């Protein structure tokens, strides 16, 4: 594969990964009371502050991932964020039969997202990024 195609694929993968975070963060901000209530239902202390932090990580991390700025660090931050979200919100084994499959799917999807982010953390942003222009 030539380097131009590879660089384009790195950019496409960053965009596709980031969409999950940008859309989720934007929706959490638009429906903030529900977001805070959700964190309260999970037992988080200071659910409003937790919701603000989650929104900042999702929106900021998603946008930085698209831009390719501090990409490896951002990928690691998002790995930690998704791991915490998975461990606290998608414990499929604790749900009843009606919710089990949905939560299992979220759990597995999050593992796949973590896999993609680990790849970004290992490989970097690629040529079409702020990181590449600064080096």
N, C-alpha and C. Protein backbone atom coordinates (compact mmCIF):
# COMPACT_ATOMS: atom_id res chain seq x y z
N UNK A 1 0.84 -1.17 0.00
CA UNK A 1 0.00 0.00 0.00
C UNK A 1 0.89 1.24 0.00
N UNK A 2 0.54 2.22 -0.82
CA UNK A 2 1.38 3.41 -0.88
C UNK A 2 1.10 4.32 0.31
N UNK A 3 2.03 5.22 0.57
CA UNK A 3 1.95 6.05 1.77
C UNK A 3 0.78 7.02 1.73
N UNK A 4 0.38 7.47 0.55
CA UNK A 4 -0.76 8.37 0.44
C UNK A 4 -2.06 7.67 0.84
N UNK A 5 -2.23 6.44 0.39
CA UNK A 5 -3.42 5.68 0.75
C UNK A 5 -3.43 5.39 2.25
N UNK A 6 -2.27 5.07 2.78
CA UNK A 6 -2.18 4.78 4.21
C UNK A 6 -2.50 6.03 5.04
N UNK A 7 -1.98 7.18 4.63
CA UNK A 7 -2.25 8.43 5.34
C UNK A 7 -3.74 8.76 5.30
N UNK A 8 -4.37 8.52 4.17
CA UNK A 8 -5.81 8.76 4.04
C UNK A 8 -6.60 7.82 4.94
N UNK A 9 -6.16 6.58 5.04
CA UNK A 9 -6.84 5.62 5.91
C UNK A 9 -6.66 5.99 7.38
N UNK A 10 -5.50 6.48 7.76
CA UNK A 10 -5.30 6.95 9.14
C UNK A 10 -6.26 8.09 9.45
N UNK A 11 -6.39 9.05 8.53
CA UNK A 11 -7.31 10.16 8.73
C UNK A 11 -8.74 9.65 8.83
N UNK A 12 -9.14 8.78 7.92
CA UNK A 12 -10.50 8.24 7.95
C UNK A 12 -10.78 7.51 9.27
N UNK A 13 -9.81 6.75 9.75
CA UNK A 13 -10.02 6.01 11.00
C UNK A 13 -10.15 6.96 12.18
N UNK A 14 -9.36 8.04 12.18
CA UNK A 14 -9.49 9.02 13.26
C UNK A 14 -10.85 9.70 13.23
N UNK A 15 -11.32 10.04 12.03
CA UNK A 15 -12.64 10.68 11.91
C UNK A 15 -13.74 9.73 12.38
N UNK A 16 -13.70 8.49 11.93
CA UNK A 16 -14.74 7.54 12.30
C UNK A 16 -14.74 7.25 13.80
N UNK A 17 -13.57 7.08 14.39
CA UNK A 17 -13.50 6.87 15.84
C UNK A 17 -14.02 8.08 16.60
N UNK A 18 -13.67 9.26 16.13
CA UNK A 18 -14.03 10.47 16.85
C UNK A 18 -15.52 10.77 16.81
N UNK A 19 -16.21 10.31 15.77
CA UNK A 19 -17.65 10.58 15.67
C UNK A 19 -18.40 10.08 16.89
N UNK A 20 -18.03 8.93 17.39
CA UNK A 20 -18.68 8.38 18.57
C UNK A 20 -18.60 9.36 19.74
N UNK A 21 -17.43 9.93 19.95
CA UNK A 21 -17.22 10.83 21.08
C UNK A 21 -17.87 12.19 20.85
N UNK A 22 -17.75 12.73 19.65
CA UNK A 22 -18.31 14.05 19.36
C UNK A 22 -19.84 14.02 19.47
N UNK A 23 -20.46 13.03 18.86
CA UNK A 23 -21.92 12.93 18.91
C UNK A 23 -22.39 12.68 20.34
N UNK A 24 -21.73 11.79 21.04
CA UNK A 24 -22.12 11.48 22.42
C UNK A 24 -21.94 12.70 23.32
N UNK A 25 -20.83 13.40 23.18
CA UNK A 25 -20.60 14.60 23.98
C UNK A 25 -21.58 15.70 23.67
N UNK A 26 -21.89 15.90 22.39
CA UNK A 26 -22.86 16.93 22.00
C UNK A 26 -24.25 16.60 22.55
N UNK A 27 -24.65 15.34 22.44
CA UNK A 27 -25.96 14.95 22.96
C UNK A 27 -26.01 15.09 24.49
N UNK A 28 -24.94 14.74 25.16
CA UNK A 28 -24.90 14.88 26.61
C UNK A 28 -25.01 16.35 27.01
N UNK A 29 -24.39 17.23 26.24
CA UNK A 29 -24.48 18.67 26.53
C UNK A 29 -25.88 19.20 26.24
N UNK A 30 -26.47 18.77 25.13
CA UNK A 30 -27.81 19.25 24.76
C UNK A 30 -28.88 18.78 25.75
N UNK A 31 -28.68 17.63 26.32
CA UNK A 31 -29.65 17.07 27.26
C UNK A 31 -28.98 16.91 28.63
N UNK A 32 -28.38 18.01 29.09
CA UNK A 32 -27.54 17.97 30.29
C UNK A 32 -28.27 17.44 31.53
N UNK A 33 -29.50 17.87 31.83
CA UNK A 33 -30.14 17.33 33.03
C UNK A 33 -30.25 15.80 33.00
N UNK A 34 -30.56 15.25 31.85
CA UNK A 34 -30.62 13.79 31.73
C UNK A 34 -29.26 13.14 31.89
N UNK A 35 -28.22 13.80 31.39
CA UNK A 35 -26.86 13.27 31.54
C UNK A 35 -26.46 13.23 33.00
N UNK A 36 -26.73 14.32 33.71
CA UNK A 36 -26.40 14.37 35.14
C UNK A 36 -27.20 13.32 35.91
N UNK A 37 -28.48 13.17 35.56
CA UNK A 37 -29.32 12.16 36.23
C UNK A 37 -28.79 10.75 35.97
N UNK A 38 -28.29 10.52 34.76
CA UNK A 38 -27.74 9.20 34.44
C UNK A 38 -26.51 8.91 35.30
N UNK A 39 -25.62 9.90 35.45
CA UNK A 39 -24.45 9.70 36.30
C UNK A 39 -24.86 9.48 37.76
N UNK A 40 -25.90 10.19 38.20
CA UNK A 40 -26.40 9.97 39.55
C UNK A 40 -26.93 8.54 39.71
N UNK A 41 -27.62 8.04 38.68
CA UNK A 41 -28.16 6.67 38.75
C UNK A 41 -27.06 5.62 38.81
N UNK A 42 -25.88 5.97 38.30
CA UNK A 42 -24.75 5.04 38.35
C UNK A 42 -23.97 5.15 39.66
N UNK A 43 -24.37 6.10 40.51
CA UNK A 43 -23.73 6.25 41.81
C UNK A 43 -22.51 7.16 41.82
N UNK A 44 -22.32 7.94 40.76
CA UNK A 44 -21.19 8.86 40.73
C UNK A 44 -21.42 10.01 41.71
N UNK A 45 -20.39 10.39 42.47
CA UNK A 45 -20.53 11.59 43.30
C UNK A 45 -20.50 12.82 42.39
N UNK A 46 -21.16 13.87 42.81
CA UNK A 46 -21.20 15.12 42.05
C UNK A 46 -21.57 14.85 40.59
N UNK A 47 -22.77 14.34 40.34
CA UNK A 47 -23.13 13.93 38.98
C UNK A 47 -23.09 15.07 37.96
N UNK A 48 -23.40 16.29 38.38
CA UNK A 48 -23.33 17.41 37.43
C UNK A 48 -21.89 17.66 37.00
N UNK A 49 -20.98 17.66 37.96
CA UNK A 49 -19.56 17.86 37.64
C UNK A 49 -19.03 16.69 36.80
N UNK A 50 -19.48 15.49 37.11
CA UNK A 50 -19.07 14.32 36.33
C UNK A 50 -19.57 14.43 34.90
N UNK A 51 -20.81 14.91 34.73
CA UNK A 51 -21.36 15.09 33.38
C UNK A 51 -20.56 16.13 32.60
N UNK A 52 -20.20 17.23 33.26
CA UNK A 52 -19.39 18.26 32.59
C UNK A 52 -18.05 17.68 32.17
N UNK A 53 -17.41 16.94 33.06
CA UNK A 53 -16.12 16.33 32.74
C UNK A 53 -16.24 15.36 31.56
N UNK A 54 -17.27 14.54 31.58
CA UNK A 54 -17.48 13.58 30.48
C UNK A 54 -17.70 14.31 29.16
N UNK A 55 -18.48 15.38 29.19
CA UNK A 55 -18.73 16.16 27.97
C UNK A 55 -17.44 16.77 27.45
N UNK A 56 -16.64 17.33 28.34
CA UNK A 56 -15.36 17.93 27.92
C UNK A 56 -14.43 16.88 27.32
N UNK A 57 -14.37 15.72 27.95
CA UNK A 57 -13.50 14.65 27.43
C UNK A 57 -14.00 14.17 26.07
N UNK A 58 -15.31 13.96 25.96
CA UNK A 58 -15.84 13.44 24.70
C UNK A 58 -15.70 14.45 23.57
N UNK A 59 -16.16 15.68 23.80
CA UNK A 59 -16.07 16.70 22.74
C UNK A 59 -14.62 17.07 22.46
N UNK A 60 -13.88 17.39 23.51
CA UNK A 60 -12.48 17.79 23.33
C UNK A 60 -11.65 16.67 22.74
N UNK A 61 -11.78 15.49 23.30
CA UNK A 61 -11.00 14.35 22.80
C UNK A 61 -11.36 14.01 21.37
N UNK A 62 -12.65 14.03 21.06
CA UNK A 62 -13.07 13.73 19.70
C UNK A 62 -12.55 14.74 18.69
N UNK A 63 -12.63 16.02 19.03
CA UNK A 63 -12.15 17.05 18.11
C UNK A 63 -10.63 17.01 17.96
N UNK A 64 -9.91 16.78 19.06
CA UNK A 64 -8.45 16.67 18.97
C UNK A 64 -8.03 15.45 18.17
N UNK A 65 -8.79 14.37 18.29
CA UNK A 65 -8.49 13.17 17.52
C UNK A 65 -8.65 13.44 16.02
N UNK A 66 -9.70 14.14 15.63
CA UNK A 66 -9.89 14.49 14.22
C UNK A 66 -8.75 15.37 13.74
N UNK A 67 -8.41 16.38 14.54
CA UNK A 67 -7.35 17.31 14.15
C UNK A 67 -5.98 16.64 14.14
N UNK A 68 -5.84 15.60 14.92
CA UNK A 68 -4.54 14.93 15.00
C UNK A 68 -3.53 15.73 15.80
N UNK A 69 -3.99 16.33 16.90
CA UNK A 69 -3.09 17.10 17.77
C UNK A 69 -2.92 16.35 19.08
N UNK A 70 -1.66 16.09 19.45
CA UNK A 70 -1.35 15.30 20.65
C UNK A 70 -2.11 13.96 20.59
N UNK A 71 -2.11 13.37 19.43
CA UNK A 71 -2.96 12.24 19.12
C UNK A 71 -2.73 11.05 20.04
N UNK A 72 -1.50 10.71 20.29
CA UNK A 72 -1.23 9.54 21.15
C UNK A 72 -1.76 9.77 22.56
N UNK A 73 -1.55 10.96 23.11
CA UNK A 73 -2.04 11.28 24.45
C UNK A 73 -3.56 11.28 24.48
N UNK A 74 -4.17 11.87 23.47
CA UNK A 74 -5.63 11.91 23.39
C UNK A 74 -6.19 10.49 23.30
N UNK A 75 -5.55 9.65 22.51
CA UNK A 75 -6.02 8.26 22.39
C UNK A 75 -5.97 7.56 23.74
N UNK A 76 -4.89 7.76 24.49
CA UNK A 76 -4.79 7.15 25.82
C UNK A 76 -5.85 7.69 26.77
N UNK A 77 -6.12 8.99 26.71
CA UNK A 77 -7.18 9.58 27.54
C UNK A 77 -8.52 8.94 27.21
N UNK A 78 -8.80 8.80 25.93
CA UNK A 78 -10.07 8.20 25.52
C UNK A 78 -10.14 6.71 25.86
N UNK A 79 -9.01 6.01 25.81
CA UNK A 79 -8.98 4.61 26.26
C UNK A 79 -9.42 4.54 27.72
N UNK A 80 -8.84 5.39 28.56
CA UNK A 80 -9.20 5.40 29.98
C UNK A 80 -10.68 5.74 30.16
N UNK A 81 -11.15 6.74 29.43
CA UNK A 81 -12.55 7.16 29.52
C UNK A 81 -13.49 6.01 29.15
N UNK A 82 -13.22 5.36 28.03
CA UNK A 82 -14.09 4.26 27.58
C UNK A 82 -14.00 3.08 28.54
N UNK A 83 -12.82 2.80 29.06
CA UNK A 83 -12.67 1.70 30.02
C UNK A 83 -13.50 1.97 31.28
N UNK A 84 -13.46 3.20 31.78
CA UNK A 84 -14.25 3.56 32.97
C UNK A 84 -15.74 3.47 32.65
N UNK A 85 -16.14 4.01 31.49
CA UNK A 85 -17.55 3.95 31.10
C UNK A 85 -18.02 2.51 30.99
N UNK A 86 -17.19 1.66 30.42
CA UNK A 86 -17.55 0.26 30.24
C UNK A 86 -17.69 -0.44 31.59
N UNK A 87 -16.74 -0.18 32.48
CA UNK A 87 -16.74 -0.84 33.78
C UNK A 87 -17.88 -0.36 34.69
N UNK A 88 -18.34 0.87 34.48
CA UNK A 88 -19.38 1.40 35.36
C UNK A 88 -20.79 1.30 34.78
N UNK A 89 -20.93 1.39 33.47
CA UNK A 89 -22.26 1.49 32.88
C UNK A 89 -22.70 0.26 32.09
N UNK A 90 -21.79 -0.59 31.71
CA UNK A 90 -22.15 -1.70 30.81
C UNK A 90 -21.76 -3.06 31.38
N UNK A 91 -22.01 -3.24 32.66
CA UNK A 91 -21.75 -4.52 33.31
C UNK A 91 -22.91 -5.47 32.97
N UNK A 92 -22.85 -6.00 31.78
CA UNK A 92 -23.96 -6.78 31.22
C UNK A 92 -24.38 -7.93 32.12
N UNK A 93 -23.46 -8.47 32.88
CA UNK A 93 -23.74 -9.62 33.73
C UNK A 93 -24.66 -9.26 34.90
N UNK A 94 -24.85 -7.95 35.15
CA UNK A 94 -25.72 -7.52 36.24
C UNK A 94 -27.15 -7.21 35.78
N UNK A 95 -27.40 -7.27 34.48
CA UNK A 95 -28.70 -6.87 33.95
C UNK A 95 -29.62 -8.08 33.78
N UNK A 96 -30.93 -7.79 33.78
CA UNK A 96 -31.91 -8.85 33.56
C UNK A 96 -31.89 -9.27 32.09
N UNK A 97 -32.63 -10.31 31.79
CA UNK A 97 -32.61 -10.89 30.44
C UNK A 97 -33.03 -9.88 29.38
N UNK A 98 -33.94 -8.97 29.71
CA UNK A 98 -34.42 -7.99 28.73
C UNK A 98 -33.33 -7.00 28.33
N UNK A 99 -32.40 -6.71 29.23
CA UNK A 99 -31.34 -5.74 28.97
C UNK A 99 -29.99 -6.38 28.66
N UNK A 100 -29.87 -7.66 28.92
CA UNK A 100 -28.59 -8.35 28.81
C UNK A 100 -27.93 -8.16 27.44
N UNK A 101 -28.64 -8.47 26.37
CA UNK A 101 -28.04 -8.40 25.03
C UNK A 101 -27.63 -6.98 24.66
N UNK A 102 -28.46 -6.00 24.99
CA UNK A 102 -28.12 -4.61 24.70
C UNK A 102 -26.84 -4.20 25.43
N UNK A 103 -26.74 -4.54 26.70
CA UNK A 103 -25.56 -4.17 27.48
C UNK A 103 -24.32 -4.95 27.02
N UNK A 104 -24.51 -6.21 26.64
CA UNK A 104 -23.40 -6.99 26.10
C UNK A 104 -22.88 -6.35 24.82
N UNK A 105 -23.80 -5.91 23.96
CA UNK A 105 -23.38 -5.24 22.72
C UNK A 105 -22.61 -3.95 23.00
N UNK A 106 -23.08 -3.16 23.97
CA UNK A 106 -22.34 -1.94 24.34
C UNK A 106 -20.95 -2.29 24.87
N UNK A 107 -20.89 -3.31 25.71
CA UNK A 107 -19.62 -3.75 26.27
C UNK A 107 -18.65 -4.15 25.17
N UNK A 108 -19.11 -4.98 24.24
CA UNK A 108 -18.24 -5.44 23.14
C UNK A 108 -17.87 -4.31 22.19
N UNK A 109 -18.81 -3.43 21.92
CA UNK A 109 -18.53 -2.26 21.08
C UNK A 109 -17.44 -1.41 21.72
N UNK A 110 -17.54 -1.23 23.02
CA UNK A 110 -16.53 -0.43 23.71
C UNK A 110 -15.16 -1.09 23.67
N UNK A 111 -15.12 -2.41 23.76
CA UNK A 111 -13.84 -3.10 23.62
C UNK A 111 -13.25 -2.86 22.23
N UNK A 112 -14.09 -2.88 21.20
CA UNK A 112 -13.62 -2.60 19.84
C UNK A 112 -13.11 -1.17 19.72
N UNK A 113 -13.81 -0.23 20.33
CA UNK A 113 -13.36 1.17 20.31
C UNK A 113 -12.01 1.30 21.01
N UNK A 114 -11.87 0.65 22.15
CA UNK A 114 -10.58 0.66 22.85
C UNK A 114 -9.49 0.09 21.95
N UNK A 115 -9.80 -0.99 21.23
CA UNK A 115 -8.82 -1.56 20.29
C UNK A 115 -8.41 -0.55 19.23
N UNK A 116 -9.37 0.16 18.66
CA UNK A 116 -9.05 1.18 17.67
C UNK A 116 -8.21 2.31 18.25
N UNK A 117 -8.55 2.72 19.46
CA UNK A 117 -7.79 3.79 20.11
C UNK A 117 -6.37 3.34 20.46
N UNK A 118 -6.21 2.10 20.87
CA UNK A 118 -4.87 1.59 21.14
C UNK A 118 -4.02 1.58 19.87
N UNK A 119 -4.65 1.27 18.75
CA UNK A 119 -3.93 1.30 17.48
C UNK A 119 -3.49 2.73 17.16
N UNK A 120 -4.38 3.70 17.38
CA UNK A 120 -4.02 5.10 17.16
C UNK A 120 -2.89 5.50 18.11
N UNK A 121 -2.98 5.08 19.38
CA UNK A 121 -1.93 5.41 20.34
C UNK A 121 -0.59 4.82 19.91
N UNK A 122 -0.60 3.64 19.33
CA UNK A 122 0.64 2.99 18.90
C UNK A 122 1.19 3.58 17.61
N UNK A 123 0.33 3.89 16.66
CA UNK A 123 0.77 4.32 15.33
C UNK A 123 0.87 5.83 15.17
N UNK A 124 0.15 6.58 15.98
CA UNK A 124 0.12 8.03 15.81
C UNK A 124 -0.94 8.44 14.81
N UNK A 125 -0.97 9.73 14.51
CA UNK A 125 -2.05 10.30 13.70
C UNK A 125 -1.88 10.08 12.21
N UNK A 126 -0.67 9.96 11.75
CA UNK A 126 -0.44 9.88 10.31
C UNK A 126 -0.13 11.25 9.73
N UNK A 127 0.05 11.27 8.43
CA UNK A 127 0.53 12.47 7.74
C UNK A 127 -0.46 13.63 7.78
N UNK A 128 -1.76 13.34 7.68
CA UNK A 128 -2.76 14.40 7.65
C UNK A 128 -3.19 14.75 9.07
N UNK A 129 -2.31 15.46 9.77
CA UNK A 129 -2.57 15.79 11.17
C UNK A 129 -1.72 16.97 11.60
N UNK A 130 -2.13 17.60 12.66
CA UNK A 130 -1.33 18.68 13.24
C UNK A 130 -0.01 18.11 13.76
N UNK A 131 -0.07 16.93 14.36
CA UNK A 131 1.16 16.30 14.86
C UNK A 131 2.22 16.18 13.77
N UNK A 132 1.81 15.75 12.58
CA UNK A 132 2.77 15.57 11.48
C UNK A 132 3.32 16.90 11.00
N UNK A 133 2.50 17.93 11.02
CA UNK A 133 2.96 19.25 10.56
C UNK A 133 3.92 19.90 11.56
N UNK A 134 3.83 19.51 12.82
CA UNK A 134 4.68 20.10 13.85
C UNK A 134 6.00 19.37 14.01
N UNK A 135 6.13 18.20 13.39
CA UNK A 135 7.38 17.44 13.58
C UNK A 135 8.34 17.64 12.43
